[in-house]
Amino acid sequence: MFPFFNDFNMDESKIRKVVELKQEEDGYTDCYLVEIEYNQARNHLTLYIGSDSGMTLKKCQAFSRHVEAFLDESLMLGEKYELDVSSPGVGRPLKLKRQYHNNIGRDLKITLEDGSGLKGKLVTVEEDHILVLQQKGKKKTGEEIQIPFDKIATALVQIKF
């Protein structure tokens, strides 16, 4: 089922291939891998997977079972390991352009590479930048700011209560 394993070390490229196999199946083609985290001391693998139509518990379970089958067959992490599959969630920074597209219209808190920051509503996502309607305090200033992706250190979705 998984012909591309041959050793017992955590190999991110192999995990990516396993996830890509699942993404080819009906119902999962709009899913995408955001991040892989591996804690070697705990032998704990965490996958953050997003979806253009929204990540559901059913999708997380399907990816978890799929990756678990690979790990059990390959013994890449040995016989005892921990695996978590989750959506990135609002507390995690946006990593992929695709995530920005999925958050148009939402408020972001952006920290730039130079350490400065701003808050505003994500208006559009272009090839190499985003447009944000800047916010100061609780008011929108009406000024749209163009921010190149390569200048963004972190961007967090802000939840309104």
C-alpha atoms as a PDB file:
ATOM      1  CA  MET A   1       0.000   0.000   0.000  1.00  0.00           C
ATOM      2  CA  PHE A   2       2.860   2.403   0.851  1.00  0.00           C
ATOM      3  CA  PRO A   3       5.829   1.366  -1.324  1.00  0.00           C
ATOM      4  CA  PHE A   4       8.103   4.313  -0.514  1.00  0.00           C
ATOM      5  CA  PHE A   5       9.342   3.480   2.979  1.00  0.00           C
ATOM      6  CA  ASN A   6      12.562   1.715   3.914  1.00  0.00           C
ATOM      7  CA  ASP A   7      13.874   3.005   7.244  1.00  0.00           C
ATOM      8  CA  PHE A   8      12.782   3.754  10.813  1.00  0.00           C
ATOM      9  CA  ASN A   9      13.401   7.504  11.006  1.00  0.00           C
ATOM     10  CA  MET A  10      10.795  10.237  10.889  1.00  0.00           C
ATOM     11  CA  ASP A  11      10.820  11.365   7.262  1.00  0.00           C
ATOM     12  CA  GLU A  12       8.693  14.418   6.510  1.00  0.00           C
ATOM     13  CA  SER A  13       8.746  13.809   2.754  1.00  0.00           C
ATOM     14  CA  LYS A  14       7.235  10.358   3.221  1.00  0.00           C
ATOM     15  CA  ILE A  15       4.506  11.731   5.480  1.00  0.00           C
ATOM     16  CA  ARG A  16       3.755  14.363   2.826  1.00  0.00           C
ATOM     17  CA  LYS A  17       3.428  11.614   0.199  1.00  0.00           C
ATOM     18  CA  VAL A  18       1.013   9.670   2.405  1.00  0.00           C
ATOM     19  CA  VAL A  19      -1.140  12.773   2.895  1.00  0.00           C
ATOM     20  CA  GLU A  20      -1.036  13.485  -0.862  1.00  0.00           C
ATOM     21  CA  LEU A  21      -2.357   9.978  -1.544  1.00  0.00           C
ATOM     22  CA  LYS A  22      -5.381  10.723   0.649  1.00  0.00           C
ATOM     23  CA  GLN A  23      -5.867  14.097  -1.061  1.00  0.00           C
ATOM     24  CA  GLU A  24      -6.382  12.297  -4.373  1.00  0.00           C
ATOM     25  CA  GLU A  25      -9.496  10.550  -3.050  1.00  0.00           C
ATOM     26  CA  ASP A  26     -13.009  11.888  -3.638  1.00  0.00           C
ATOM     27  CA  GLY A  27     -14.065  14.145  -0.784  1.00  0.00           C
ATOM     28  CA  TYR A  28     -10.506  15.106   0.108  1.00  0.00           C
ATOM     29  CA  THR A  29      -9.252  16.916  -3.003  1.00  0.00           C
ATOM     30  CA  ASP A  30      -9.840  20.335  -1.404  1.00  0.00           C
ATOM     31  CA  CYS A  31      -7.689  19.433   1.617  1.00  0.00           C
ATOM     32  CA  TYR A  32      -4.117  20.604   2.039  1.00  0.00           C
ATOM     33  CA  LEU A  33      -1.275  19.974   4.448  1.00  0.00           C
ATOM     34  CA  VAL A  34      -0.385  23.103   6.393  1.00  0.00           C
ATOM     35  CA  GLU A  35       2.285  21.885   8.758  1.00  0.00           C
ATOM     36  CA  ILE A  36       4.009  18.818  10.168  1.00  0.00           C
ATOM     37  CA  GLU A  37       5.346  18.895  13.728  1.00  0.00           C
ATOM     38  CA  TYR A  38       7.358  16.057  15.210  1.00  0.00           C
ATOM     39  CA  ASN A  39       8.470  15.827  18.841  1.00  0.00           C
ATOM     40  CA  GLN A  40      11.194  13.204  18.839  1.00  0.00           C
ATOM     41  CA  ALA A  41      11.433  13.001  22.643  1.00  0.00           C
ATOM     42  CA  ARG A  42       7.758  11.994  22.888  1.00  0.00           C
ATOM     43  CA  ASN A  43       7.654  10.285  19.470  1.00  0.00           C
ATOM     44  CA  HIS A  44       4.634  12.471  18.774  1.00  0.00           C
ATOM     45  CA  LEU A  45       3.620  13.439  15.234  1.00  0.00           C
ATOM     46  CA  THR A  46       1.095  16.225  14.656  1.00  0.00           C
ATOM     47  CA  LEU A  47      -0.350  17.053  11.244  1.00  0.00           C
ATOM     48  CA  TYR A  48      -2.255  20.270  10.612  1.00  0.00           C
ATOM     49  CA  ILE A  49      -4.532  19.911   7.614  1.00  0.00           C
ATOM     50  CA  GLY A  50      -6.823  22.556   6.133  1.00  0.00           C
ATOM     51  CA  SER A  51      -9.696  22.349   3.696  1.00  0.00           C
ATOM     52  CA  ASP A  52     -11.208  24.900   1.342  1.00  0.00           C
ATOM     53  CA  SER A  53     -14.692  23.672   2.297  1.00  0.00           C
ATOM     54  CA  GLY A  54     -13.901  23.527   6.008  1.00  0.00           C
ATOM     55  CA  MET A  55     -12.065  20.847   7.931  1.00  0.00           C
ATOM     56  CA  THR A  56     -14.496  18.489   9.618  1.00  0.00           C
ATOM     57  CA  LEU A  57     -14.013  15.868  12.286  1.00  0.00           C
ATOM     58  CA  LYS A  58     -14.770  13.220   9.656  1.00  0.00           C
ATOM     59  CA  LYS A  59     -11.948  14.506   7.424  1.00  0.00           C
ATOM     60  CA  CYS A  60      -9.498  14.630  10.349  1.00  0.00           C
ATOM     61  CA  GLN A  61     -10.409  11.064  11.285  1.00  0.00           C
ATOM     62  CA  ALA A  62      -9.953   9.859   7.700  1.00  0.00           C
ATOM     63  CA  PHE A  63      -6.493  11.433   7.435  1.00  0.00           C
ATOM     64  CA  SER A  64      -5.590  10.082  10.865  1.00  0.00           C
ATOM     65  CA  ARG A  65      -6.573   6.519   9.937  1.00  0.00           C
ATOM     66  CA  HIS A  66      -4.735   6.803   6.615  1.00  0.00           C
ATOM     67  CA  VAL A  67      -1.480   8.072   8.156  1.00  0.00           C
ATOM     68  CA  GLU A  68      -1.781   5.634  11.054  1.00  0.00           C
ATOM     69  CA  ALA A  69      -2.031   2.725   8.589  1.00  0.00           C
ATOM     70  CA  PHE A  70       1.196   3.914   6.963  1.00  0.00           C
ATOM     71  CA  LEU A  71       2.982   4.336  10.292  1.00  0.00           C
ATOM     72  CA  ASP A  72       1.858   0.901  11.476  1.00  0.00           C
ATOM     73  CA  GLU A  73       2.947  -0.744   8.223  1.00  0.00           C
ATOM     74  CA  SER A  74       6.254   1.081   7.868  1.00  0.00           C
ATOM     75  CA  LEU A  75       7.186   1.236  11.558  1.00  0.00           C
ATOM     76  CA  MET A  76       8.731   4.613  10.674  1.00  0.00           C
ATOM     77  CA  LEU A  77       8.139   5.744  14.264  1.00  0.00           C
ATOM     78  CA  GLY A  78       8.400   2.290  15.803  1.00  0.00           C
ATOM     79  CA  GLU A  79       5.521   0.457  17.425  1.00  0.00           C
ATOM     80  CA  LYS A  80       4.659   3.097  20.023  1.00  0.00           C
ATOM     81  CA  TYR A  81       3.973   6.623  18.842  1.00  0.00           C
ATOM     82  CA  GLU A  82       1.382   9.369  19.159  1.00  0.00           C
ATOM     83  CA  LEU A  83      -0.417  10.843  16.165  1.00  0.00           C
ATOM     84  CA  ASP A  84      -2.660  13.894  16.107  1.00  0.00           C
ATOM     85  CA  VAL A  85      -4.409  15.214  13.011  1.00  0.00           C
ATOM     86  CA  SER A  86      -6.101  18.578  13.369  1.00  0.00           C
ATOM     87  CA  SER A  87      -7.160  21.664  11.501  1.00  0.00           C
ATOM     88  CA  PRO A  88      -4.747  24.549  12.118  1.00  0.00           C
ATOM     89  CA  GLY A  89      -7.273  26.431  14.235  1.00  0.00           C
ATOM     90  CA  VAL A  90      -7.504  30.143  14.842  1.00  0.00           C
ATOM     91  CA  GLY A  91      -4.690  30.280  17.365  1.00  0.00           C
ATOM     92  CA  ARG A  92      -2.132  29.180  14.780  1.00  0.00           C
ATOM     93  CA  PRO A  93      -0.534  31.597  12.315  1.00  0.00           C
ATOM     94  CA  LEU A  94      -1.487  31.461   8.650  1.00  0.00           C
ATOM     95  CA  LYS A  95       1.271  29.652   6.754  1.00  0.00           C
ATOM     96  CA  LEU A  96      -0.020  29.159   3.219  1.00  0.00           C
ATOM     97  CA  LYS A  97      -1.459  31.545   0.677  1.00  0.00           C
ATOM     98  CA  ARG A  98      -4.436  29.182   0.455  1.00  0.00           C
ATOM     99  CA  GLN A  99      -5.205  29.912   4.110  1.00  0.00           C
ATOM    100  CA  TYR A 100      -5.282  33.635   3.383  1.00  0.00           C
ATOM    101  CA  HIS A 101      -7.809  33.048   0.595  1.00  0.00           C
ATOM    102  CA  ASN A 102      -9.998  31.131   3.053  1.00  0.00           C
ATOM    103  CA  ASN A 103      -9.919  34.055   5.497  1.00  0.00           C
ATOM    104  CA  ILE A 104     -10.854  36.986   3.225  1.00  0.00           C
ATOM    105  CA  GLY A 105     -13.179  39.287   5.139  1.00  0.00           C
ATOM    106  CA  ARG A 106     -11.780  38.341   8.533  1.00  0.00           C
ATOM    107  CA  ASP A 107      -9.692  40.497  10.845  1.00  0.00           C
ATOM    108  CA  LEU A 108      -5.990  39.709  11.057  1.00  0.00           C
ATOM    109  CA  LYS A 109      -3.252  40.677  13.490  1.00  0.00           C
ATOM    110  CA  ILE A 110      -0.085  40.893  11.414  1.00  0.00           C
ATOM    111  CA  THR A 111       3.482  41.121  12.649  1.00  0.00           C
ATOM    112  CA  LEU A 112       6.006  42.161  10.019  1.00  0.00           C
ATOM    113  CA  GLU A 113       9.599  40.978   9.751  1.00  0.00           C
ATOM    114  CA  ASP A 114      10.846  44.303  11.141  1.00  0.00           C
ATOM    115  CA  GLY A 115       8.822  43.712  14.345  1.00  0.00           C
ATOM    116  CA  SER A 116       6.120  46.271  13.602  1.00  0.00           C
ATOM    117  CA  GLY A 117       2.523  45.185  13.522  1.00  0.00           C
ATOM    118  CA  LEU A 118      -0.946  46.128  12.460  1.00  0.00           C
ATOM    119  CA  LYS A 119      -4.522  44.930  12.625  1.00  0.00           C
ATOM    120  CA  GLY A 120      -7.049  45.024   9.847  1.00  0.00           C
ATOM    121  CA  LYS A 121      -9.547  43.258   7.677  1.00  0.00           C
ATOM    122  CA  LEU A 122      -8.165  41.029   4.933  1.00  0.00           C
ATOM    123  CA  VAL A 123      -9.600  42.446   1.708  1.00  0.00           C
ATOM    124  CA  THR A 124      -7.855  40.563  -1.095  1.00  0.00           C
ATOM    125  CA  VAL A 125      -5.076  38.076  -1.713  1.00  0.00           C
ATOM    126  CA  GLU A 126      -2.842  38.543  -4.737  1.00  0.00           C
ATOM    127  CA  GLU A 127       0.059  36.509  -6.089  1.00  0.00           C
ATOM    128  CA  ASP A 128       2.738  38.174  -3.962  1.00  0.00           C
ATOM    129  CA  HIS A 129       0.837  40.317  -1.431  1.00  0.00           C
ATOM    130  CA  ILE A 130      -2.350  40.886   0.537  1.00  0.00           C
ATOM    131  CA  LEU A 131      -4.476  43.993   0.906  1.00  0.00           C
ATOM    132  CA  VAL A 132      -5.618  44.860   4.422  1.00  0.00           C
ATOM    133  CA  LEU A 133      -8.082  47.546   5.479  1.00  0.00           C
ATOM    134  CA  GLN A 134      -6.122  48.936   8.420  1.00  0.00           C
ATOM    135  CA  GLN A 135      -7.662  49.189  11.854  1.00  0.00           C
ATOM    136  CA  LYS A 136      -6.503  51.446  14.673  1.00  0.00           C
ATOM    137  CA  GLY A 137      -8.106  50.731  18.009  1.00  0.00           C
ATOM    138  CA  LYS A 138     -11.664  49.662  17.232  1.00  0.00           C
ATOM    139  CA  LYS A 139     -11.979  51.824  14.101  1.00  0.00           C
ATOM    140  CA  LYS A 140     -11.121  50.987  10.523  1.00  0.00           C
ATOM    141  CA  THR A 141      -9.017  53.834   9.098  1.00  0.00           C
ATOM    142  CA  GLY A 142     -10.250  53.291   5.559  1.00  0.00           C
ATOM    143  CA  GLU A 143      -6.668  52.976   4.383  1.00  0.00           C
ATOM    144  CA  GLU A 144      -5.865  49.836   2.418  1.00  0.00           C
ATOM    145  CA  ILE A 145      -2.336  48.649   2.965  1.00  0.00           C
ATOM    146  CA  GLN A 146      -0.509  46.332   0.588  1.00  0.00           C
ATOM    147  CA  ILE A 147       1.675  43.839   2.442  1.00  0.00           C
ATOM    148  CA  PRO A 148       4.064  41.556   0.535  1.00  0.00           C
ATOM    149  CA  PHE A 149       4.025  37.933   1.734  1.00  0.00           C
ATOM    150  CA  ASP A 150       7.791  38.002   2.198  1.00  0.00           C
ATOM    151  CA  LYS A 151       7.436  40.834   4.757  1.00  0.00           C
ATOM    152  CA  ILE A 152       4.917  38.954   6.964  1.00  0.00           C
ATOM    153  CA  ALA A 153       6.440  37.256  10.023  1.00  0.00           C
ATOM    154  CA  THR A 154       3.081  36.078  11.419  1.00  0.00           C
ATOM    155  CA  ALA A 155      -0.579  36.609  10.613  1.00  0.00           C
ATOM    156  CA  LEU A 156      -3.241  35.512  13.077  1.00  0.00           C
ATOM    157  CA  VAL A 157      -6.989  35.481  12.496  1.00  0.00           C
ATOM    158  CA  GLN A 158      -8.724  37.534  15.178  1.00  0.00           C
ATOM    159  CA  ILE A 159     -11.995  36.187  16.540  1.00  0.00           C
ATOM    160  CA  LYS A 160     -14.754  38.607  17.525  1.00  0.00           C
ATOM    161  CA  PHE A 161     -16.917  37.848  20.539  1.00  0.00           C
END
